[in-house]
Amino acid sequence: MAHPNSEHATGLLLIAIILSFVVASSLNVYPLSPNMATLRPMALIMVLIFWLLFQPRYVGIFTAFTIGLIADLLMDTRLGQQAFAAVVVALIIKITSIYIRELNTASAWLIATLGLVVFQLILWILQLITQNIFVAQSGLSLLMSIISWPLVLLALRKFAH
């Protein structure tokens, strides 16, 4: 039988995970001017990467797929594009984290950067293949995501391991 405090802690953790995704999805769709929108970090994928790194027991491939589908619906991209990219990122993070001995801030940032770059590259390739478009401005969003990822780490750190 599980200890009541551990069940309580698990419940709080799951609530924190869900709330962080709700907040991130709100940030992804919050209306901004066109100039500012190109600088918007990819909050949803950033939060997904955090949880994949620090709570892999609760956030995995299925969660990545679900978050990707939600992102497709919220951001009006072709259904499945962000879901596919999120699943690939989740797989890469799962494989990469096997080889990381100690997950400190620098290694987490490096893995997050890898995940963000792979995510954006996959979206660019899929959009080029399926819609014959290339949105170069997404590179600014990618850069802002890489730069601001430590803020996600700072905000959610108390829920890490």
N, C-alpha and C. Protein backbone atom coordinates (compact mmCIF):
# COMPACT_ATOMS: atom_id res chain seq x y z
N MET A 1 0.84 -1.19 0.00
CA MET A 1 0.00 0.00 0.00
C MET A 1 0.88 1.25 0.00
N ALA A 2 0.53 2.22 -0.85
CA ALA A 2 1.32 3.44 -0.98
C ALA A 2 1.11 4.33 0.24
N HIS A 3 2.12 5.06 0.55
CA HIS A 3 2.07 5.99 1.67
C HIS A 3 1.17 7.17 1.29
N PRO A 4 0.27 7.61 2.18
CA PRO A 4 -0.66 8.70 1.84
C PRO A 4 0.04 9.97 1.39
N ASN A 5 1.19 10.30 2.01
CA ASN A 5 1.91 11.51 1.62
C ASN A 5 2.46 11.40 0.20
N SER A 6 2.89 10.20 -0.20
CA SER A 6 3.41 10.04 -1.55
C SER A 6 2.29 10.16 -2.57
N GLU A 7 1.10 9.67 -2.23
CA GLU A 7 -0.05 9.82 -3.12
C GLU A 7 -0.43 11.29 -3.26
N HIS A 8 -0.36 12.01 -2.14
CA HIS A 8 -0.67 13.44 -2.13
C HIS A 8 0.34 14.20 -2.99
N ALA A 9 1.62 13.87 -2.83
CA ALA A 9 2.68 14.52 -3.61
C ALA A 9 2.51 14.22 -5.10
N THR A 10 2.17 12.99 -5.44
CA THR A 10 1.95 12.61 -6.83
C THR A 10 0.77 13.39 -7.41
N GLY A 11 -0.29 13.51 -6.63
CA GLY A 11 -1.46 14.27 -7.08
C GLY A 11 -1.11 15.73 -7.34
N LEU A 12 -0.34 16.33 -6.43
CA LEU A 12 0.07 17.72 -6.61
C LEU A 12 0.97 17.87 -7.84
N LEU A 13 1.84 16.91 -8.04
CA LEU A 13 2.73 16.94 -9.21
C LEU A 13 1.92 16.88 -10.50
N LEU A 14 0.95 15.97 -10.56
CA LEU A 14 0.12 15.85 -11.76
C LEU A 14 -0.69 17.12 -12.02
N ILE A 15 -1.17 17.74 -10.95
CA ILE A 15 -1.88 19.03 -11.09
C ILE A 15 -0.93 20.09 -11.62
N ALA A 16 0.30 20.12 -11.10
CA ALA A 16 1.30 21.09 -11.57
C ALA A 16 1.62 20.87 -13.04
N ILE A 17 1.74 19.61 -13.46
CA ILE A 17 2.03 19.30 -14.86
C ILE A 17 0.90 19.81 -15.75
N ILE A 18 -0.33 19.50 -15.38
CA ILE A 18 -1.49 19.91 -16.17
C ILE A 18 -1.59 21.44 -16.22
N LEU A 19 -1.44 22.09 -15.06
CA LEU A 19 -1.52 23.55 -15.02
C LEU A 19 -0.43 24.21 -15.86
N SER A 20 0.77 23.64 -15.83
CA SER A 20 1.87 24.22 -16.62
C SER A 20 1.56 24.13 -18.11
N PHE A 21 0.93 23.04 -18.54
CA PHE A 21 0.56 22.92 -19.95
C PHE A 21 -0.56 23.90 -20.31
N VAL A 22 -1.50 24.11 -19.39
CA VAL A 22 -2.58 25.07 -19.64
C VAL A 22 -2.01 26.49 -19.76
N VAL A 23 -1.12 26.85 -18.84
CA VAL A 23 -0.50 28.18 -18.89
C VAL A 23 0.32 28.34 -20.18
N ALA A 24 1.11 27.31 -20.53
CA ALA A 24 1.93 27.37 -21.74
C ALA A 24 1.07 27.50 -22.99
N SER A 25 -0.04 26.76 -23.04
CA SER A 25 -0.90 26.86 -24.22
C SER A 25 -1.54 28.24 -24.30
N SER A 26 -1.85 28.83 -23.16
CA SER A 26 -2.39 30.19 -23.14
C SER A 26 -1.36 31.19 -23.66
N LEU A 27 -0.10 31.00 -23.26
CA LEU A 27 0.96 31.88 -23.75
C LEU A 27 1.17 31.73 -25.25
N ASN A 28 0.97 30.52 -25.76
CA ASN A 28 1.15 30.28 -27.20
C ASN A 28 0.09 30.95 -28.06
N VAL A 29 -1.09 31.17 -27.51
CA VAL A 29 -2.17 31.76 -28.31
C VAL A 29 -2.54 33.18 -27.88
N TYR A 30 -1.86 33.70 -26.87
CA TYR A 30 -2.15 35.06 -26.41
C TYR A 30 -1.92 36.03 -27.56
N PRO A 31 -2.89 36.90 -27.83
CA PRO A 31 -2.75 37.79 -28.99
C PRO A 31 -1.60 38.79 -28.80
N LEU A 32 -0.75 38.86 -29.80
CA LEU A 32 0.36 39.81 -29.83
C LEU A 32 0.37 40.51 -31.18
N SER A 33 1.05 41.65 -31.24
CA SER A 33 1.20 42.32 -32.53
C SER A 33 2.00 41.41 -33.46
N PRO A 34 1.83 41.56 -34.77
CA PRO A 34 2.56 40.68 -35.71
C PRO A 34 4.08 40.69 -35.49
N ASN A 35 4.65 41.85 -35.18
CA ASN A 35 6.10 41.92 -34.95
C ASN A 35 6.50 41.15 -33.70
N MET A 36 5.71 41.27 -32.64
CA MET A 36 6.01 40.56 -31.39
C MET A 36 5.73 39.06 -31.52
N ALA A 37 4.74 38.70 -32.31
CA ALA A 37 4.36 37.29 -32.46
C ALA A 37 5.51 36.47 -33.05
N THR A 38 6.34 37.08 -33.90
CA THR A 38 7.46 36.34 -34.48
C THR A 38 8.52 36.02 -33.43
N LEU A 39 8.51 36.77 -32.33
CA LEU A 39 9.48 36.55 -31.25
C LEU A 39 8.92 35.67 -30.13
N ARG A 40 7.69 35.22 -30.28
CA ARG A 40 7.05 34.42 -29.23
C ARG A 40 7.77 33.08 -29.08
N PRO A 41 8.25 32.79 -27.85
CA PRO A 41 8.86 31.47 -27.62
C PRO A 41 7.82 30.36 -27.75
N MET A 42 8.28 29.16 -28.05
CA MET A 42 7.40 28.00 -28.20
C MET A 42 7.13 27.43 -26.80
N ALA A 43 6.27 28.11 -26.05
CA ALA A 43 6.07 27.79 -24.64
C ALA A 43 5.61 26.35 -24.43
N LEU A 44 4.71 25.88 -25.24
CA LEU A 44 4.15 24.54 -25.04
C LEU A 44 5.21 23.46 -25.20
N ILE A 45 6.04 23.56 -26.24
CA ILE A 45 7.08 22.55 -26.44
C ILE A 45 8.17 22.70 -25.39
N MET A 46 8.40 23.93 -24.92
CA MET A 46 9.41 24.15 -23.88
C MET A 46 8.99 23.46 -22.57
N VAL A 47 7.72 23.61 -22.22
CA VAL A 47 7.21 22.96 -21.00
C VAL A 47 7.23 21.44 -21.18
N LEU A 48 6.86 20.98 -22.37
CA LEU A 48 6.91 19.54 -22.65
C LEU A 48 8.33 19.02 -22.47
N ILE A 49 9.31 19.71 -23.00
CA ILE A 49 10.71 19.29 -22.86
C ILE A 49 11.11 19.25 -21.39
N PHE A 50 10.70 20.26 -20.62
CA PHE A 50 11.02 20.26 -19.18
C PHE A 50 10.51 18.99 -18.52
N TRP A 51 9.23 18.69 -18.74
CA TRP A 51 8.64 17.52 -18.07
C TRP A 51 9.24 16.21 -18.59
N LEU A 52 9.56 16.16 -19.87
CA LEU A 52 10.22 14.96 -20.41
C LEU A 52 11.57 14.73 -19.73
N LEU A 53 12.27 15.81 -19.44
CA LEU A 53 13.58 15.71 -18.79
C LEU A 53 13.48 15.37 -17.31
N PHE A 54 12.58 16.07 -16.62
CA PHE A 54 12.59 16.01 -15.16
C PHE A 54 11.51 15.12 -14.54
N GLN A 55 10.50 14.74 -15.29
CA GLN A 55 9.47 13.83 -14.78
C GLN A 55 9.11 12.80 -15.85
N PRO A 56 10.10 12.05 -16.33
CA PRO A 56 9.82 11.09 -17.41
C PRO A 56 8.86 9.97 -17.00
N ARG A 57 8.69 9.81 -15.70
CA ARG A 57 7.76 8.78 -15.22
C ARG A 57 6.31 9.15 -15.55
N TYR A 58 6.04 10.46 -15.58
CA TYR A 58 4.66 10.93 -15.78
C TYR A 58 4.42 11.53 -17.16
N VAL A 59 5.49 11.96 -17.83
CA VAL A 59 5.35 12.60 -19.13
C VAL A 59 6.23 11.86 -20.13
N GLY A 60 5.59 11.31 -21.16
CA GLY A 60 6.33 10.51 -22.13
C GLY A 60 5.82 10.73 -23.54
N ILE A 61 5.93 9.70 -24.34
CA ILE A 61 5.59 9.76 -25.76
C ILE A 61 4.11 10.09 -25.97
N PHE A 62 3.24 9.43 -25.22
CA PHE A 62 1.80 9.68 -25.37
C PHE A 62 1.46 11.13 -25.03
N THR A 63 2.06 11.64 -23.97
CA THR A 63 1.83 13.04 -23.58
C THR A 63 2.33 13.96 -24.69
N ALA A 64 3.51 13.65 -25.24
CA ALA A 64 4.07 14.48 -26.32
C ALA A 64 3.11 14.50 -27.52
N PHE A 65 2.57 13.34 -27.87
CA PHE A 65 1.62 13.26 -28.98
C PHE A 65 0.37 14.10 -28.69
N THR A 66 -0.15 13.97 -27.48
CA THR A 66 -1.35 14.71 -27.10
C THR A 66 -1.10 16.22 -27.11
N ILE A 67 0.01 16.64 -26.54
CA ILE A 67 0.36 18.07 -26.52
C ILE A 67 0.56 18.58 -27.94
N GLY A 68 1.17 17.76 -28.79
CA GLY A 68 1.35 18.13 -30.19
C GLY A 68 0.03 18.32 -30.92
N LEU A 69 -0.91 17.42 -30.67
CA LEU A 69 -2.24 17.56 -31.28
C LEU A 69 -2.93 18.83 -30.79
N ILE A 70 -2.83 19.09 -29.49
CA ILE A 70 -3.42 20.31 -28.92
C ILE A 70 -2.78 21.53 -29.57
N ALA A 71 -1.45 21.51 -29.73
CA ALA A 71 -0.75 22.62 -30.38
C ALA A 71 -1.21 22.79 -31.82
N ASP A 72 -1.40 21.67 -32.53
CA ASP A 72 -1.92 21.75 -33.91
C ASP A 72 -3.27 22.45 -33.94
N LEU A 73 -4.13 22.11 -33.02
CA LEU A 73 -5.47 22.70 -32.97
C LEU A 73 -5.41 24.17 -32.56
N LEU A 74 -4.59 24.49 -31.56
CA LEU A 74 -4.50 25.87 -31.08
C LEU A 74 -3.87 26.81 -32.10
N MET A 75 -2.87 26.32 -32.81
CA MET A 75 -2.12 27.20 -33.70
C MET A 75 -2.48 27.01 -35.16
N ASP A 76 -3.55 26.26 -35.41
CA ASP A 76 -4.09 26.11 -36.75
C ASP A 76 -3.05 25.60 -37.76
N THR A 77 -2.24 24.66 -37.33
CA THR A 77 -1.32 24.01 -38.26
C THR A 77 -2.00 22.72 -38.73
N ARG A 78 -1.47 22.12 -39.76
CA ARG A 78 -2.05 20.87 -40.25
C ARG A 78 -2.03 19.84 -39.13
N LEU A 79 -3.15 19.17 -38.95
CA LEU A 79 -3.30 18.22 -37.86
C LEU A 79 -2.25 17.11 -37.97
N GLY A 80 -1.47 16.97 -36.93
CA GLY A 80 -0.46 15.93 -36.87
C GLY A 80 0.96 16.43 -37.05
N GLN A 81 1.14 17.64 -37.60
CA GLN A 81 2.50 18.13 -37.82
C GLN A 81 3.25 18.34 -36.50
N GLN A 82 2.65 19.12 -35.61
CA GLN A 82 3.31 19.37 -34.33
C GLN A 82 3.29 18.12 -33.46
N ALA A 83 2.27 17.29 -33.62
CA ALA A 83 2.21 16.04 -32.87
C ALA A 83 3.37 15.14 -33.26
N PHE A 84 3.62 15.01 -34.56
CA PHE A 84 4.74 14.19 -35.04
C PHE A 84 6.06 14.76 -34.54
N ALA A 85 6.24 16.08 -34.67
CA ALA A 85 7.48 16.72 -34.23
C ALA A 85 7.68 16.54 -32.73
N ALA A 86 6.61 16.65 -31.95
CA ALA A 86 6.71 16.49 -30.49
C ALA A 86 7.10 15.06 -30.12
N VAL A 87 6.56 14.08 -30.83
CA VAL A 87 6.90 12.68 -30.56
C VAL A 87 8.37 12.41 -30.88
N VAL A 88 8.86 12.95 -32.00
CA VAL A 88 10.27 12.77 -32.35
C VAL A 88 11.15 13.42 -31.27
N VAL A 89 10.78 14.61 -30.83
CA VAL A 89 11.54 15.29 -29.77
C VAL A 89 11.52 14.44 -28.49
N ALA A 90 10.37 13.91 -28.15
CA ALA A 90 10.27 13.06 -26.95
C ALA A 90 11.18 11.85 -27.06
N LEU A 91 11.20 11.22 -28.22
CA LEU A 91 12.08 10.06 -28.43
C LEU A 91 13.55 10.46 -28.30
N ILE A 92 13.92 11.58 -28.90
CA ILE A 92 15.31 12.04 -28.82
C ILE A 92 15.69 12.35 -27.37
N ILE A 93 14.79 12.99 -26.64
CA ILE A 93 15.09 13.31 -25.24
C ILE A 93 15.19 12.05 -24.41
N LYS A 94 14.31 11.10 -24.63
CA LYS A 94 14.37 9.82 -23.91
C LYS A 94 15.70 9.12 -24.16
N ILE A 95 16.12 9.08 -25.43
CA ILE A 95 17.38 8.42 -25.78
C ILE A 95 18.57 9.19 -25.22
N THR A 96 18.56 10.52 -25.39
CA THR A 96 19.67 11.36 -24.92
C THR A 96 19.82 11.29 -23.41
N SER A 97 18.71 11.29 -22.69
CA SER A 97 18.79 11.31 -21.22
C SER A 97 19.37 10.01 -20.66
N ILE A 98 19.38 8.95 -21.45
CA ILE A 98 20.01 7.70 -21.02
C ILE A 98 21.51 7.92 -20.82
N TYR A 99 22.09 8.75 -21.67
CA TYR A 99 23.54 8.95 -21.68
C TYR A 99 24.01 10.09 -20.77
N ILE A 100 23.09 10.86 -20.23
CA ILE A 100 23.46 11.97 -19.36
C ILE A 100 23.57 11.46 -17.93
N ARG A 101 24.74 11.59 -17.35
CA ARG A 101 24.95 11.10 -15.98
C ARG A 101 24.28 12.00 -14.95
N GLU A 102 24.52 13.29 -15.08
CA GLU A 102 23.95 14.24 -14.12
C GLU A 102 23.23 15.33 -14.89
N LEU A 103 21.95 15.51 -14.61
CA LEU A 103 21.16 16.50 -15.32
C LEU A 103 21.24 17.82 -14.56
N ASN A 104 22.24 18.62 -14.88
CA ASN A 104 22.36 19.94 -14.26
C ASN A 104 21.76 20.98 -15.22
N THR A 105 21.83 22.24 -14.84
CA THR A 105 21.23 23.30 -15.64
C THR A 105 21.81 23.35 -17.05
N ALA A 106 23.14 23.23 -17.15
CA ALA A 106 23.79 23.32 -18.47
C ALA A 106 23.40 22.16 -19.37
N SER A 107 23.42 20.94 -18.84
CA SER A 107 23.06 19.79 -19.68
C SER A 107 21.57 19.83 -20.05
N ALA A 108 20.73 20.28 -19.12
CA ALA A 108 19.29 20.39 -19.42
C ALA A 108 19.07 21.41 -20.53
N TRP A 109 19.78 22.54 -20.47
CA TRP A 109 19.66 23.57 -21.48
C TRP A 109 20.14 23.04 -22.84
N LEU A 110 21.21 22.30 -22.83
CA LEU A 110 21.75 21.73 -24.06
C LEU A 110 20.76 20.75 -24.69
N ILE A 111 20.20 19.87 -23.87
CA ILE A 111 19.21 18.90 -24.38
C ILE A 111 17.96 19.62 -24.86
N ALA A 112 17.52 20.64 -24.10
CA ALA A 112 16.35 21.42 -24.51
C ALA A 112 16.60 22.12 -25.84
N THR A 113 17.81 22.66 -26.01
CA THR A 113 18.16 23.30 -27.28
C THR A 113 18.10 22.30 -28.43
N LEU A 114 18.65 21.13 -28.22
CA LEU A 114 18.58 20.07 -29.22
C LEU A 114 17.12 19.76 -29.56
N GLY A 115 16.30 19.60 -28.53
CA GLY A 115 14.88 19.29 -28.74
C GLY A 115 14.16 20.39 -29.50
N LEU A 116 14.42 21.64 -29.14
CA LEU A 116 13.77 22.77 -29.81
C LEU A 116 14.19 22.87 -31.28
N VAL A 117 15.48 22.68 -31.54
CA VAL A 117 15.98 22.74 -32.92
C VAL A 117 15.37 21.61 -33.75
N VAL A 118 15.35 20.40 -33.21
CA VAL A 118 14.77 19.26 -33.93
C VAL A 118 13.29 19.52 -34.20
N PHE A 119 12.57 20.02 -33.20
CA PHE A 119 11.14 20.31 -33.34
C PHE A 119 10.92 21.29 -34.50
N GLN A 120 11.68 22.38 -34.51
CA GLN A 120 11.49 23.40 -35.56
C GLN A 120 11.91 22.88 -36.93
N LEU A 121 13.00 22.13 -36.99
CA LEU A 121 13.43 21.56 -38.27
C LEU A 121 12.37 20.63 -38.85
N ILE A 122 11.78 19.79 -38.00
CA ILE A 122 10.73 18.88 -38.47
C ILE A 122 9.53 19.66 -38.97
N LEU A 123 9.13 20.71 -38.24
CA LEU A 123 8.00 21.52 -38.70
C LEU A 123 8.31 22.17 -40.05
N TRP A 124 9.52 22.71 -40.19
CA TRP A 124 9.88 23.32 -41.48
C TRP A 124 9.81 22.30 -42.61
N ILE A 125 10.35 21.12 -42.38
CA ILE A 125 10.36 20.07 -43.42
C ILE A 125 8.93 19.65 -43.75
N LEU A 126 8.12 19.40 -42.73
CA LEU A 126 6.73 18.99 -42.97
C LEU A 126 5.93 20.06 -43.70
N GLN A 127 6.12 21.32 -43.31
CA GLN A 127 5.39 22.41 -43.97
C GLN A 127 5.85 22.57 -45.42
N LEU A 128 7.14 22.37 -45.65
CA LEU A 128 7.66 22.47 -47.01
C LEU A 128 7.10 21.34 -47.89
N ILE A 129 7.05 20.13 -47.33
CA ILE A 129 6.56 18.98 -48.10
C ILE A 129 5.05 19.05 -48.31
N THR A 130 4.30 19.35 -47.27
CA THR A 130 2.84 19.26 -47.36
C THR A 130 2.18 20.53 -47.89
N GLN A 131 2.79 21.69 -47.65
CA GLN A 131 2.14 22.94 -48.04
C GLN A 131 2.99 23.80 -48.97
N ASN A 132 4.22 23.36 -49.22
CA ASN A 132 5.15 24.10 -50.05
C ASN A 132 5.39 25.52 -49.52
N ILE A 133 5.46 25.63 -48.18
CA ILE A 133 5.78 26.93 -47.57
C ILE A 133 6.96 26.76 -46.62
N PHE A 134 7.68 27.85 -46.44
CA PHE A 134 8.79 27.89 -45.49
C PHE A 134 8.68 29.19 -44.73
N VAL A 135 8.41 29.09 -43.43
CA VAL A 135 8.24 30.27 -42.59
C VAL A 135 9.55 30.54 -41.86
N ALA A 136 10.39 31.37 -42.47
CA ALA A 136 11.71 31.64 -41.92
C ALA A 136 11.63 32.37 -40.57
N GLN A 137 10.55 33.13 -40.36
CA GLN A 137 10.39 33.86 -39.10
C GLN A 137 10.33 32.93 -37.90
N SER A 138 10.00 31.66 -38.13
CA SER A 138 9.98 30.70 -37.03
C SER A 138 11.36 30.55 -36.41
N GLY A 139 12.39 30.91 -37.15
CA GLY A 139 13.75 30.87 -36.62
C GLY A 139 13.92 31.83 -35.45
N LEU A 140 13.24 32.99 -35.52
CA LEU A 140 13.29 33.95 -34.40
C LEU A 140 12.62 33.37 -33.16
N SER A 141 11.50 32.70 -33.37
CA SER A 141 10.80 32.04 -32.27
C SER A 141 11.69 30.96 -31.65
N LEU A 142 12.38 30.22 -32.51
CA LEU A 142 13.30 29.18 -32.03
C LEU A 142 14.41 29.80 -31.19
N LEU A 143 15.00 30.88 -31.68
CA LEU A 143 16.07 31.55 -30.94
C LEU A 143 15.57 32.07 -29.59
N MET A 144 14.38 32.68 -29.58
CA MET A 144 13.81 33.18 -28.32
C MET A 144 13.51 32.02 -27.36
N SER A 145 13.10 30.88 -27.90
CA SER A 145 12.82 29.71 -27.07
C SER A 145 14.10 29.20 -26.41
N ILE A 146 15.17 29.14 -27.18
CA ILE A 146 16.45 28.67 -26.65
C ILE A 146 16.96 29.62 -25.57
N ILE A 147 16.85 30.91 -25.84
CA ILE A 147 17.33 31.91 -24.88
C ILE A 147 16.49 31.90 -23.61
N SER A 148 15.18 31.74 -23.75
CA SER A 148 14.29 31.86 -22.58
C SER A 148 14.01 30.53 -21.89
N TRP A 149 14.57 29.42 -22.39
CA TRP A 149 14.31 28.13 -21.74
C TRP A 149 14.70 28.09 -20.27
N PRO A 150 15.78 28.75 -19.87
CA PRO A 150 16.09 28.75 -18.42
C PRO A 150 14.98 29.34 -17.55
N LEU A 151 14.14 30.20 -18.13
CA LEU A 151 13.00 30.73 -17.36
C LEU A 151 11.99 29.63 -17.04
N VAL A 152 11.79 28.71 -17.99
CA VAL A 152 10.92 27.56 -17.75
C VAL A 152 11.53 26.71 -16.64
N LEU A 153 12.84 26.50 -16.73
CA LEU A 153 13.56 25.74 -15.71
C LEU A 153 13.39 26.39 -14.33
N LEU A 154 13.54 27.69 -14.28
CA LEU A 154 13.40 28.43 -13.02
C LEU A 154 11.98 28.33 -12.47
N ALA A 155 10.99 28.47 -13.36
CA ALA A 155 9.59 28.47 -12.93
C ALA A 155 9.13 27.10 -12.44
N LEU A 156 9.65 26.02 -13.05
CA LEU A 156 9.15 24.68 -12.74
C LEU A 156 10.16 23.83 -11.94
N ARG A 157 11.30 24.41 -11.59
CA ARG A 157 12.38 23.66 -10.94
C ARG A 157 11.94 22.94 -9.67
N LYS A 158 11.04 23.53 -8.91
CA LYS A 158 10.64 22.89 -7.64
C LYS A 158 9.94 21.54 -7.85
N PHE A 159 9.52 21.27 -9.11
CA PHE A 159 8.85 20.01 -9.41
C PHE A 159 9.81 18.99 -10.03
N ALA A 160 11.07 19.39 -10.21
CA ALA A 160 12.07 18.47 -10.78
C ALA A 160 12.43 17.44 -9.73
N HIS A 161 12.63 16.23 -10.15
CA HIS A 161 12.99 15.05 -9.32
C HIS A 161 12.82 15.30 -7.85
